[in-house]
Amino acid sequence: MMNILKSGSNQWIFQRLSNACIVAYSACLICLLCTVDLSSFSAVSNLFHSTWFKVITSLCVIFFAFNSVLAGWQIAGDYVKQKTLNKLFNMICMTASAVSVVIILATLWG
């Protein structure tokens, strides 16, 4: 993933596109929650169990994870100057993102 995004302009484009997807998903989620009858558990449960919702949520979670890895990589490049700590920080960011994706997708689809 990072080899594709070695160019600063590619990183900038990826961040903007992934942020736009996350914002669009958040707006859609807010609109859905405002229009769905939240008085019963089954109505809310049906929304979250539909396949289209799970697919869109899964894509946004993956975009969010890649975005956070890229942000961690950029932060480490700017502020963590020691090479060993820089690699450790990046590994922690990647691991945390991967674990988050696995937990969220397991919860969503499980």
PDB file of N, CA and C in Angstrom:
ATOM      1  N   MET A   1       0.826  -1.197   0.000  1.00  0.00           N
ATOM      2  CA  MET A   1       0.000   0.000   0.000  1.00  0.00           C
ATOM      3  C   MET A   1       0.870   1.260   0.000  1.00  0.00           C
ATOM      4  N   MET A   2       1.886   1.280   0.836  1.00  0.00           N
ATOM      5  CA  MET A   2       2.705   2.485   0.937  1.00  0.00           C
ATOM      6  C   MET A   2       3.530   2.719  -0.322  1.00  0.00           C
ATOM      7  N   ASN A   3       3.863   1.655  -1.060  1.00  0.00           N
ATOM      8  CA  ASN A   3       4.631   1.843  -2.292  1.00  0.00           C
ATOM      9  C   ASN A   3       3.820   2.605  -3.330  1.00  0.00           C
ATOM     10  N   ILE A   4       2.521   2.378  -3.376  1.00  0.00           N
ATOM     11  CA  ILE A   4       1.648   3.095  -4.305  1.00  0.00           C
ATOM     12  C   ILE A   4       1.583   4.565  -3.932  1.00  0.00           C
ATOM     13  N   LEU A   5       1.645   4.836  -2.647  1.00  0.00           N
ATOM     14  CA  LEU A   5       1.456   6.197  -2.160  1.00  0.00           C
ATOM     15  C   LEU A   5       2.769   6.899  -1.822  1.00  0.00           C
ATOM     16  N   LYS A   6       3.850   6.543  -2.490  1.00  0.00           N
ATOM     17  CA  LYS A   6       5.145   7.201  -2.240  1.00  0.00           C
ATOM     18  C   LYS A   6       5.127   8.653  -2.686  1.00  0.00           C
ATOM     19  N   SER A   7       4.373   8.954  -3.715  1.00  0.00           N
ATOM     20  CA  SER A   7       4.293  10.312  -4.227  1.00  0.00           C
ATOM     21  C   SER A   7       3.411  11.159  -3.316  1.00  0.00           C
ATOM     22  N   GLY A   8       3.848  12.364  -3.043  1.00  0.00           N
ATOM     23  CA  GLY A   8       3.073  13.262  -2.194  1.00  0.00           C
ATOM     24  C   GLY A   8       1.720  13.606  -2.795  1.00  0.00           C
ATOM     25  N   SER A   9       1.669  13.750  -4.108  1.00  0.00           N
ATOM     26  CA  SER A   9       0.389  14.076  -4.739  1.00  0.00           C
ATOM     27  C   SER A   9      -0.570  12.884  -4.673  1.00  0.00           C
ATOM     28  N   ASN A  10      -0.056  11.655  -4.803  1.00  0.00           N
ATOM     29  CA  ASN A  10      -0.907  10.472  -4.652  1.00  0.00           C
ATOM     30  C   ASN A  10      -1.446  10.362  -3.230  1.00  0.00           C
ATOM     31  N   GLN A  11      -0.614  10.676  -2.247  1.00  0.00           N
ATOM     32  CA  GLN A  11      -1.053  10.657  -0.847  1.00  0.00           C
ATOM     33  C   GLN A  11      -2.156  11.682  -0.633  1.00  0.00           C
ATOM     34  N   TRP A  12      -1.962  12.863  -1.172  1.00  0.00           N
ATOM     35  CA  TRP A  12      -2.933  13.935  -1.008  1.00  0.00           C
ATOM     36  C   TRP A  12      -4.272  13.545  -1.636  1.00  0.00           C
ATOM     37  N   ILE A  13      -4.212  12.996  -2.853  1.00  0.00           N
ATOM     38  CA  ILE A  13      -5.440  12.577  -3.541  1.00  0.00           C
ATOM     39  C   ILE A  13      -6.129  11.462  -2.765  1.00  0.00           C
ATOM     40  N   PHE A  14      -5.368  10.458  -2.314  1.00  0.00           N
ATOM     41  CA  PHE A  14      -5.960   9.358  -1.556  1.00  0.00           C
ATOM     42  C   PHE A  14      -6.616   9.852  -0.275  1.00  0.00           C
ATOM     43  N   GLN A  15      -5.933  10.731   0.454  1.00  0.00           N
ATOM     44  CA  GLN A  15      -6.516  11.248   1.691  1.00  0.00           C
ATOM     45  C   GLN A  15      -7.802  12.012   1.423  1.00  0.00           C
ATOM     46  N   ARG A  16      -7.810  12.827   0.384  1.00  0.00           N
ATOM     47  CA  ARG A  16      -9.013  13.612   0.093  1.00  0.00           C
ATOM     48  C   ARG A  16     -10.169  12.719  -0.341  1.00  0.00           C
ATOM     49  N   LEU A  17      -9.883  11.716  -1.162  1.00  0.00           N
ATOM     50  CA  LEU A  17     -10.944  10.810  -1.599  1.00  0.00           C
ATOM     51  C   LEU A  17     -11.482   9.969  -0.435  1.00  0.00           C
ATOM     52  N   SER A  18     -10.584   9.456   0.392  1.00  0.00           N
ATOM     53  CA  SER A  18     -11.049   8.654   1.521  1.00  0.00           C
ATOM     54  C   SER A  18     -11.797   9.522   2.533  1.00  0.00           C
ATOM     55  N   ASN A  19     -11.343  10.738   2.752  1.00  0.00           N
ATOM     56  CA  ASN A  19     -12.074  11.638   3.647  1.00  0.00           C
ATOM     57  C   ASN A  19     -13.450  11.975   3.090  1.00  0.00           C
ATOM     58  N   ALA A  20     -13.543  12.173   1.780  1.00  0.00           N
ATOM     59  CA  ALA A  20     -14.845  12.448   1.155  1.00  0.00           C
ATOM     60  C   ALA A  20     -15.777  11.255   1.330  1.00  0.00           C
ATOM     61  N   CYS A  21     -15.255  10.039   1.178  1.00  0.00           N
ATOM     62  CA  CYS A  21     -16.081   8.840   1.385  1.00  0.00           C
ATOM     63  C   CYS A  21     -16.559   8.742   2.829  1.00  0.00           C
ATOM     64  N   ILE A  22     -15.685   9.025   3.760  1.00  0.00           N
ATOM     65  CA  ILE A  22     -16.050   8.956   5.180  1.00  0.00           C
ATOM     66  C   ILE A  22     -17.099  10.017   5.517  1.00  0.00           C
ATOM     67  N   VAL A  23     -16.940  11.220   4.997  1.00  0.00           N
ATOM     68  CA  VAL A  23     -17.924  12.281   5.241  1.00  0.00           C
ATOM     69  C   VAL A  23     -19.273  11.932   4.609  1.00  0.00           C
ATOM     70  N   ALA A  24     -19.238  11.399   3.376  1.00  0.00           N
ATOM     71  CA  ALA A  24     -20.481  11.007   2.705  1.00  0.00           C
ATOM     72  C   ALA A  24     -21.175   9.883   3.478  1.00  0.00           C
ATOM     73  N   TYR A  25     -20.403   8.924   3.964  1.00  0.00           N
ATOM     74  CA  TYR A  25     -20.978   7.840   4.761  1.00  0.00           C
ATOM     75  C   TYR A  25     -21.592   8.382   6.050  1.00  0.00           C
ATOM     76  N   SER A  26     -20.897   9.280   6.711  1.00  0.00           N
ATOM     77  CA  SER A  26     -21.412   9.861   7.951  1.00  0.00           C
ATOM     78  C   SER A  26     -22.712  10.625   7.701  1.00  0.00           C
ATOM     79  N   ALA A  27     -22.753  11.406   6.628  1.00  0.00           N
ATOM     80  CA  ALA A  27     -23.977  12.153   6.290  1.00  0.00           C
ATOM     81  C   ALA A  27     -25.120  11.200   5.967  1.00  0.00           C
ATOM     82  N   CYS A  28     -24.820  10.143   5.217  1.00  0.00           N
ATOM     83  CA  CYS A  28     -25.839   9.141   4.896  1.00  0.00           C
ATOM     84  C   CYS A  28     -26.360   8.464   6.157  1.00  0.00           C
ATOM     85  N   LEU A  29     -25.449   8.128   7.060  1.00  0.00           N
ATOM     86  CA  LEU A  29     -25.839   7.481   8.314  1.00  0.00           C
ATOM     87  C   LEU A  29     -26.716   8.404   9.156  1.00  0.00           C
ATOM     88  N   ILE A  30     -26.360   9.670   9.227  1.00  0.00           N
ATOM     89  CA  ILE A  30     -27.172  10.630   9.982  1.00  0.00           C
ATOM     90  C   ILE A  30     -28.553  10.761   9.359  1.00  0.00           C
ATOM     91  N   CYS A  31     -28.617  10.855   8.034  1.00  0.00           N
ATOM     92  CA  CYS A  31     -29.917  10.939   7.352  1.00  0.00           C
ATOM     93  C   CYS A  31     -30.756   9.688   7.591  1.00  0.00           C
ATOM     94  N   LEU A  32     -30.123   8.521   7.516  1.00  0.00           N
ATOM     95  CA  LEU A  32     -30.853   7.273   7.758  1.00  0.00           C
ATOM     96  C   LEU A  32     -31.388   7.215   9.182  1.00  0.00           C
ATOM     97  N   LEU A  33     -30.568   7.614  10.134  1.00  0.00           N
ATOM     98  CA  LEU A  33     -31.011   7.575  11.524  1.00  0.00           C
ATOM     99  C   LEU A  33     -32.108   8.597  11.815  1.00  0.00           C
ATOM    100  N   CYS A  34     -32.119   9.690  11.047  1.00  0.00           N
ATOM    101  CA  CYS A  34     -33.174  10.691  11.221  1.00  0.00           C
ATOM    102  C   CYS A  34     -34.486  10.255  10.575  1.00  0.00           C
ATOM    103  N   THR A  35     -34.415   9.413   9.561  1.00  0.00           N
ATOM    104  CA  THR A  35     -35.630   9.009   8.851  1.00  0.00           C
ATOM    105  C   THR A  35     -36.183   7.666   9.321  1.00  0.00           C
ATOM    106  N   VAL A  36     -35.362   6.846   9.954  1.00  0.00           N
ATOM    107  CA  VAL A  36     -35.816   5.537  10.423  1.00  0.00           C
ATOM    108  C   VAL A  36     -36.483   5.701  11.782  1.00  0.00           C
ATOM    109  N   ASP A  37     -37.564   4.966  11.966  1.00  0.00           N
ATOM    110  CA  ASP A  37     -38.258   4.970  13.250  1.00  0.00           C
ATOM    111  C   ASP A  37     -37.376   4.267  14.284  1.00  0.00           C
ATOM    112  N   LEU A  38     -36.867   5.024  15.233  1.00  0.00           N
ATOM    113  CA  LEU A  38     -35.948   4.473  16.236  1.00  0.00           C
ATOM    114  C   LEU A  38     -36.650   4.004  17.500  1.00  0.00           C
ATOM    115  N   SER A  39     -37.986   3.918  17.442  1.00  0.00           N
ATOM    116  CA  SER A  39     -38.726   3.554  18.647  1.00  0.00           C
ATOM    117  C   SER A  39     -38.656   2.062  18.960  1.00  0.00           C
ATOM    118  N   SER A  40     -38.279   1.242  17.990  1.00  0.00           N
ATOM    119  CA  SER A  40     -38.194  -0.190  18.257  1.00  0.00           C
ATOM    120  C   SER A  40     -36.814  -0.721  17.878  1.00  0.00           C
ATOM    121  N   PHE A  41     -36.410  -1.718  18.618  1.00  0.00           N
ATOM    122  CA  PHE A  41     -35.112  -2.339  18.352  1.00  0.00           C
ATOM    123  C   PHE A  41     -35.094  -3.021  16.997  1.00  0.00           C
ATOM    124  N   SER A  42     -36.201  -3.620  16.619  1.00  0.00           N
ATOM    125  CA  SER A  42     -36.239  -4.361  15.354  1.00  0.00           C
ATOM    126  C   SER A  42     -36.060  -3.439  14.148  1.00  0.00           C
ATOM    127  N   ALA A  43     -36.566  -2.224  14.198  1.00  0.00           N
ATOM    128  CA  ALA A  43     -36.402  -1.282  13.083  1.00  0.00           C
ATOM    129  C   ALA A  43     -34.931  -0.906  12.910  1.00  0.00           C
ATOM    130  N   VAL A  44     -34.282  -0.616  14.007  1.00  0.00           N
ATOM    131  CA  VAL A  44     -32.858  -0.266  13.948  1.00  0.00           C
ATOM    132  C   VAL A  44     -32.042  -1.494  13.559  1.00  0.00           C
ATOM    133  N   SER A  45     -32.370  -2.631  14.100  1.00  0.00           N
ATOM    134  CA  SER A  45     -31.663  -3.869  13.792  1.00  0.00           C
ATOM    135  C   SER A  45     -31.789  -4.225  12.313  1.00  0.00           C
ATOM    136  N   ASN A  46     -32.958  -4.039  11.732  1.00  0.00           N
ATOM    137  CA  ASN A  46     -33.152  -4.325  10.304  1.00  0.00           C
ATOM    138  C   ASN A  46     -32.275  -3.433   9.435  1.00  0.00           C
ATOM    139  N   LEU A  47     -32.111  -2.183   9.826  1.00  0.00           N
ATOM    140  CA  LEU A  47     -31.242  -1.283   9.075  1.00  0.00           C
ATOM    141  C   LEU A  47     -29.808  -1.783   9.088  1.00  0.00           C
ATOM    142  N   PHE A  48     -29.322  -2.149  10.247  1.00  0.00           N
ATOM    143  CA  PHE A  48     -27.932  -2.561  10.381  1.00  0.00           C
ATOM    144  C   PHE A  48     -27.669  -3.981   9.868  1.00  0.00           C
ATOM    145  N   HIS A  49     -28.712  -4.754   9.616  1.00  0.00           N
ATOM    146  CA  HIS A  49     -28.531  -6.108   9.098  1.00  0.00           C
ATOM    147  C   HIS A  49     -28.677  -6.205   7.587  1.00  0.00           C
ATOM    148  N   SER A  50     -29.046  -5.129   6.933  1.00  0.00           N
ATOM    149  CA  SER A  50     -29.192  -5.191   5.479  1.00  0.00           C
ATOM    150  C   SER A  50     -27.811  -5.273   4.823  1.00  0.00           C
ATOM    151  N   THR A  51     -27.746  -6.034   3.743  1.00  0.00           N
ATOM    152  CA  THR A  51     -26.472  -6.293   3.077  1.00  0.00           C
ATOM    153  C   THR A  51     -25.859  -5.025   2.499  1.00  0.00           C
ATOM    154  N   TRP A  52     -26.659  -4.163   1.892  1.00  0.00           N
ATOM    155  CA  TRP A  52     -26.113  -2.942   1.288  1.00  0.00           C
ATOM    156  C   TRP A  52     -25.453  -2.068   2.351  1.00  0.00           C
ATOM    157  N   PHE A  53     -26.045  -2.012   3.545  1.00  0.00           N
ATOM    158  CA  PHE A  53     -25.486  -1.206   4.627  1.00  0.00           C
ATOM    159  C   PHE A  53     -24.157  -1.800   5.101  1.00  0.00           C
ATOM    160  N   LYS A  54     -24.103  -3.117   5.199  1.00  0.00           N
ATOM    161  CA  LYS A  54     -22.870  -3.780   5.635  1.00  0.00           C
ATOM    162  C   LYS A  54     -21.738  -3.571   4.633  1.00  0.00           C
ATOM    163  N   VAL A  55     -22.060  -3.632   3.342  1.00  0.00           N
ATOM    164  CA  VAL A  55     -21.034  -3.450   2.309  1.00  0.00           C
ATOM    165  C   VAL A  55     -20.487  -2.032   2.344  1.00  0.00           C
ATOM    166  N   ILE A  56     -21.371  -1.046   2.413  1.00  0.00           N
ATOM    167  CA  ILE A  56     -20.932   0.358   2.447  1.00  0.00           C
ATOM    168  C   ILE A  56     -20.128   0.632   3.713  1.00  0.00           C
ATOM    169  N   THR A  57     -20.587   0.114   4.826  1.00  0.00           N
ATOM    170  CA  THR A  57     -19.867   0.299   6.086  1.00  0.00           C
ATOM    171  C   THR A  57     -18.496  -0.369   6.023  1.00  0.00           C
ATOM    172  N   SER A  58     -18.415  -1.551   5.449  1.00  0.00           N
ATOM    173  CA  SER A  58     -17.135  -2.257   5.328  1.00  0.00           C
ATOM    174  C   SER A  58     -16.147  -1.460   4.485  1.00  0.00           C
ATOM    175  N   LEU A  59     -16.607  -0.918   3.366  1.00  0.00           N
ATOM    176  CA  LEU A  59     -15.731  -0.103   2.518  1.00  0.00           C
ATOM    177  C   LEU A  59     -15.225   1.129   3.256  1.00  0.00           C
ATOM    178  N   CYS A  60     -16.113   1.780   3.979  1.00  0.00           N
ATOM    179  CA  CYS A  60     -15.695   2.977   4.725  1.00  0.00           C
ATOM    180  C   CYS A  60     -14.723   2.636   5.846  1.00  0.00           C
ATOM    181  N   VAL A  61     -14.909   1.510   6.495  1.00  0.00           N
ATOM    182  CA  VAL A  61     -13.981   1.084   7.549  1.00  0.00           C
ATOM    183  C   VAL A  61     -12.598   0.827   6.951  1.00  0.00           C
ATOM    184  N   ILE A  62     -12.547   0.212   5.785  1.00  0.00           N
ATOM    185  CA  ILE A  62     -11.262  -0.062   5.128  1.00  0.00           C
ATOM    186  C   ILE A  62     -10.604   1.243   4.688  1.00  0.00           C
ATOM    187  N   PHE A  63     -11.388   2.171   4.123  1.00  0.00           N
ATOM    188  CA  PHE A  63     -10.839   3.488   3.778  1.00  0.00           C
ATOM    189  C   PHE A  63     -10.289   4.192   5.013  1.00  0.00           C
ATOM    190  N   PHE A  64     -11.033   4.136   6.100  1.00  0.00           N
ATOM    191  CA  PHE A  64     -10.603   4.773   7.342  1.00  0.00           C
ATOM    192  C   PHE A  64      -9.290   4.172   7.834  1.00  0.00           C
ATOM    193  N   ALA A  65      -9.156   2.847   7.737  1.00  0.00           N
ATOM    194  CA  ALA A  65      -7.932   2.194   8.197  1.00  0.00           C
ATOM    195  C   ALA A  65      -6.729   2.604   7.350  1.00  0.00           C
ATOM    196  N   PHE A  66      -6.887   2.605   6.020  1.00  0.00           N
ATOM    197  CA  PHE A  66      -5.788   3.025   5.154  1.00  0.00           C
ATOM    198  C   PHE A  66      -5.434   4.492   5.392  1.00  0.00           C
ATOM    199  N   ASN A  67      -6.456   5.301   5.601  1.00  0.00           N
ATOM    200  CA  ASN A  67      -6.227   6.721   5.867  1.00  0.00           C
ATOM    201  C   ASN A  67      -5.450   6.903   7.171  1.00  0.00           C
ATOM    202  N   SER A  68      -5.791   6.130   8.189  1.00  0.00           N
ATOM    203  CA  SER A  68      -5.091   6.271   9.471  1.00  0.00           C
ATOM    204  C   SER A  68      -3.650   5.769   9.380  1.00  0.00           C
ATOM    205  N   VAL A  69      -3.404   4.716   8.597  1.00  0.00           N
ATOM    206  CA  VAL A  69      -2.030   4.238   8.403  1.00  0.00           C
ATOM    207  C   VAL A  69      -1.206   5.304   7.694  1.00  0.00           C
ATOM    208  N   LEU A  70      -1.773   5.906   6.675  1.00  0.00           N
ATOM    209  CA  LEU A  70      -1.070   6.958   5.945  1.00  0.00           C
ATOM    210  C   LEU A  70      -0.810   8.167   6.850  1.00  0.00           C
ATOM    211  N   ALA A  71      -1.784   8.529   7.664  1.00  0.00           N
ATOM    212  CA  ALA A  71      -1.598   9.654   8.585  1.00  0.00           C
ATOM    213  C   ALA A  71      -0.508   9.345   9.608  1.00  0.00           C
ATOM    214  N   GLY A  72      -0.506   8.120  10.137  1.00  0.00           N
ATOM    215  CA  GLY A  72       0.540   7.725  11.083  1.00  0.00           C
ATOM    216  C   GLY A  72       1.914   7.752  10.449  1.00  0.00           C
ATOM    217  N   TRP A  73       1.993   7.310   9.198  1.00  0.00           N
ATOM    218  CA  TRP A  73       3.254   7.319   8.461  1.00  0.00           C
ATOM    219  C   TRP A  73       3.749   8.753   8.260  1.00  0.00           C
ATOM    220  N   GLN A  74       2.835   9.664   7.945  1.00  0.00           N
ATOM    221  CA  GLN A  74       3.221  11.064   7.759  1.00  0.00           C
ATOM    222  C   GLN A  74       3.621  11.721   9.074  1.00  0.00           C
ATOM    223  N   ILE A  75       2.902  11.422  10.142  1.00  0.00           N
ATOM    224  CA  ILE A  75       3.240  11.975  11.453  1.00  0.00           C
ATOM    225  C   ILE A  75       4.614  11.473  11.892  1.00  0.00           C
ATOM    226  N   ALA A  76       4.854  10.173  11.707  1.00  0.00           N
ATOM    227  CA  ALA A  76       6.155   9.617  12.084  1.00  0.00           C
ATOM    228  C   ALA A  76       7.270  10.260  11.272  1.00  0.00           C
ATOM    229  N   GLY A  77       7.027  10.510  10.007  1.00  0.00           N
ATOM    230  CA  GLY A  77       8.041  11.145   9.172  1.00  0.00           C
ATOM    231  C   GLY A  77       8.364  12.561   9.604  1.00  0.00           C
ATOM    232  N   ASP A  78       7.364  13.254  10.139  1.00  0.00           N
ATOM    233  CA  ASP A  78       7.567  14.644  10.559  1.00  0.00           C
ATOM    234  C   ASP A  78       8.138  14.768  11.970  1.00  0.00           C
ATOM    235  N   TYR A  79       7.718  13.894  12.892  1.00  0.00           N
ATOM    236  CA  TYR A  79       8.035  14.115  14.300  1.00  0.00           C
ATOM    237  C   TYR A  79       8.915  13.057  14.947  1.00  0.00           C
ATOM    238  N   VAL A  80       8.954  11.857  14.418  1.00  0.00           N
ATOM    239  CA  VAL A  80       9.756  10.797  15.018  1.00  0.00           C
ATOM    240  C   VAL A  80      11.003  10.629  14.154  1.00  0.00           C
ATOM    241  N   LYS A  81      12.083  11.220  14.590  1.00  0.00           N
ATOM    242  CA  LYS A  81      13.297  11.276  13.765  1.00  0.00           C
ATOM    243  C   LYS A  81      14.180  10.035  13.888  1.00  0.00           C
ATOM    244  N   GLN A  82      14.170   9.373  15.040  1.00  0.00           N
ATOM    245  CA  GLN A  82      15.000   8.182  15.191  1.00  0.00           C
ATOM    246  C   GLN A  82      14.399   7.044  14.351  1.00  0.00           C
ATOM    247  N   LYS A  83      15.226   6.410  13.546  1.00  0.00           N
ATOM    248  CA  LYS A  83      14.761   5.426  12.572  1.00  0.00           C
ATOM    249  C   LYS A  83      14.042   4.243  13.225  1.00  0.00           C
ATOM    250  N   THR A  84      14.572   3.734  14.318  1.00  0.00           N
ATOM    251  CA  THR A  84      13.965   2.585  14.993  1.00  0.00           C
ATOM    252  C   THR A  84      12.598   2.949  15.565  1.00  0.00           C
ATOM    253  N   LEU A  85      12.518   4.093  16.224  1.00  0.00           N
ATOM    254  CA  LEU A  85      11.236   4.535  16.776  1.00  0.00           C
ATOM    255  C   LEU A  85      10.226   4.833  15.668  1.00  0.00           C
ATOM    256  N   ASN A  86      10.712   5.362  14.555  1.00  0.00           N
ATOM    257  CA  ASN A  86       9.855   5.652  13.422  1.00  0.00           C
ATOM    258  C   ASN A  86       9.215   4.364  12.896  1.00  0.00           C
ATOM    259  N   LYS A  87      10.033   3.329  12.718  1.00  0.00           N
ATOM    260  CA  LYS A  87       9.510   2.047  12.248  1.00  0.00           C
ATOM    261  C   LYS A  87       8.563   1.426  13.270  1.00  0.00           C
ATOM    262  N   LEU A  88       8.905   1.538  14.550  1.00  0.00           N
ATOM    263  CA  LEU A  88       8.043   1.005  15.599  1.00  0.00           C
ATOM    264  C   LEU A  88       6.701   1.730  15.619  1.00  0.00           C
ATOM    265  N   PHE A  89       6.731   3.052  15.508  1.00  0.00           N
ATOM    266  CA  PHE A  89       5.499   3.839  15.485  1.00  0.00           C
ATOM    267  C   PHE A  89       4.629   3.446  14.296  1.00  0.00           C
ATOM    268  N   ASN A  90       5.245   3.295  13.123  1.00  0.00           N
ATOM    269  CA  ASN A  90       4.494   2.886  11.934  1.00  0.00           C
ATOM    270  C   ASN A  90       3.914   1.486  12.092  1.00  0.00           C
ATOM    271  N   MET A  91       4.666   0.587  12.687  1.00  0.00           N
ATOM    272  CA  MET A  91       4.171  -0.768  12.911  1.00  0.00           C
ATOM    273  C   MET A  91       2.993  -0.770  13.879  1.00  0.00           C
ATOM    274  N   ILE A  92       3.058   0.066  14.903  1.00  0.00           N
ATOM    275  CA  ILE A  92       1.953   0.167  15.846  1.00  0.00           C
ATOM    276  C   ILE A  92       0.711   0.720  15.141  1.00  0.00           C
ATOM    277  N   CYS A  93       0.882   1.735  14.313  1.00  0.00           N
ATOM    278  CA  CYS A  93      -0.254   2.302  13.568  1.00  0.00           C
ATOM    279  C   CYS A  93      -0.883   1.268  12.641  1.00  0.00           C
ATOM    280  N   MET A  94      -0.037   0.521  11.920  1.00  0.00           N
ATOM    281  CA  MET A  94      -0.558  -0.493  10.998  1.00  0.00           C
ATOM    282  C   MET A  94      -1.260  -1.623  11.749  1.00  0.00           C
ATOM    283  N   THR A  95      -0.674  -2.043  12.852  1.00  0.00           N
ATOM    284  CA  THR A  95      -1.274  -3.121  13.644  1.00  0.00           C
ATOM    285  C   THR A  95      -2.604  -2.676  14.241  1.00  0.00           C
ATOM    286  N   ALA A  96      -2.639  -1.480  14.793  1.00  0.00           N
ATOM    287  CA  ALA A  96      -3.882  -0.978  15.383  1.00  0.00           C
ATOM    288  C   ALA A  96      -4.974  -0.847  14.322  1.00  0.00           C
ATOM    289  N   SER A  97      -4.612  -0.382  13.150  1.00  0.00           N
ATOM    290  CA  SER A  97      -5.591  -0.253  12.066  1.00  0.00           C
ATOM    291  C   SER A  97      -6.093  -1.621  11.612  1.00  0.00           C
ATOM    292  N   ALA A  98      -5.188  -2.569  11.458  1.00  0.00           N
ATOM    293  CA  ALA A  98      -5.585  -3.914  11.024  1.00  0.00           C
ATOM    294  C   ALA A  98      -6.478  -4.593  12.058  1.00  0.00           C
ATOM    295  N   VAL A  99      -6.117  -4.474  13.327  1.00  0.00           N
ATOM    296  CA  VAL A  99      -6.923  -5.064  14.392  1.00  0.00           C
ATOM    297  C   VAL A  99      -8.310  -4.414  14.432  1.00  0.00           C
ATOM    298  N   SER A 100      -8.354  -3.104  14.265  1.00  0.00           N
ATOM    299  CA  SER A 100      -9.641  -2.404  14.254  1.00  0.00           C
ATOM    300  C   SER A 100     -10.524  -2.885  13.107  1.00  0.00           C
ATOM    301  N   VAL A 101      -9.938  -3.031  11.929  1.00  0.00           N
ATOM    302  CA  VAL A 101     -10.708  -3.501  10.770  1.00  0.00           C
ATOM    303  C   VAL A 101     -11.248  -4.903  11.029  1.00  0.00           C
ATOM    304  N   VAL A 102     -10.413  -5.786  11.547  1.00  0.00           N
ATOM    305  CA  VAL A 102     -10.848  -7.159  11.807  1.00  0.00           C
ATOM    306  C   VAL A 102     -11.979  -7.181  12.834  1.00  0.00           C
ATOM    307  N   ILE A 103     -11.843  -6.442  13.907  1.00  0.00           N
ATOM    308  CA  ILE A 103     -12.874  -6.430  14.950  1.00  0.00           C
ATOM    309  C   ILE A 103     -14.177  -5.836  14.427  1.00  0.00           C
ATOM    310  N   ILE A 104     -14.089  -4.722  13.712  1.00  0.00           N
ATOM    311  CA  ILE A 104     -15.300  -4.075  13.210  1.00  0.00           C
ATOM    312  C   ILE A 104     -15.996  -4.951  12.171  1.00  0.00           C
ATOM    313  N   LEU A 105     -15.230  -5.525  11.237  1.00  0.00           N
ATOM    314  CA  LEU A 105     -15.848  -6.379  10.229  1.00  0.00           C
ATOM    315  C   LEU A 105     -16.422  -7.660  10.832  1.00  0.00           C
ATOM    316  N   ALA A 106     -15.749  -8.229  11.831  1.00  0.00           N
ATOM    317  CA  ALA A 106     -16.283  -9.407  12.510  1.00  0.00           C
ATOM    318  C   ALA A 106     -17.580  -9.069  13.240  1.00  0.00           C
ATOM    319  N   THR A 107     -17.625  -7.913  13.866  1.00  0.00           N
ATOM    320  CA  THR A 107     -18.835  -7.486  14.558  1.00  0.00           C
ATOM    321  C   THR A 107     -19.955  -7.205  13.566  1.00  0.00           C
ATOM    322  N   LEU A 108     -19.617  -6.545  12.481  1.00  0.00           N
ATOM    323  CA  LEU A 108     -20.620  -6.172  11.483  1.00  0.00           C
ATOM    324  C   LEU A 108     -21.195  -7.390  10.759  1.00  0.00           C
ATOM    325  N   TRP A 109     -20.336  -8.297  10.336  1.00  0.00           N
ATOM    326  CA  TRP A 109     -20.785  -9.433   9.538  1.00  0.00           C
ATOM    327  C   TRP A 109     -21.063 -10.680  10.364  1.00  0.00           C
ATOM    328  N   GLY A 110     -20.618 -10.690  11.638  1.00  0.00           N
ATOM    329  CA  GLY A 110     -20.765 -11.893  12.471  1.00  0.00           C
ATOM    330  C   GLY A 110     -22.093 -12.092  13.080  1.00  0.00           C
TER     331      GLY A 110
END
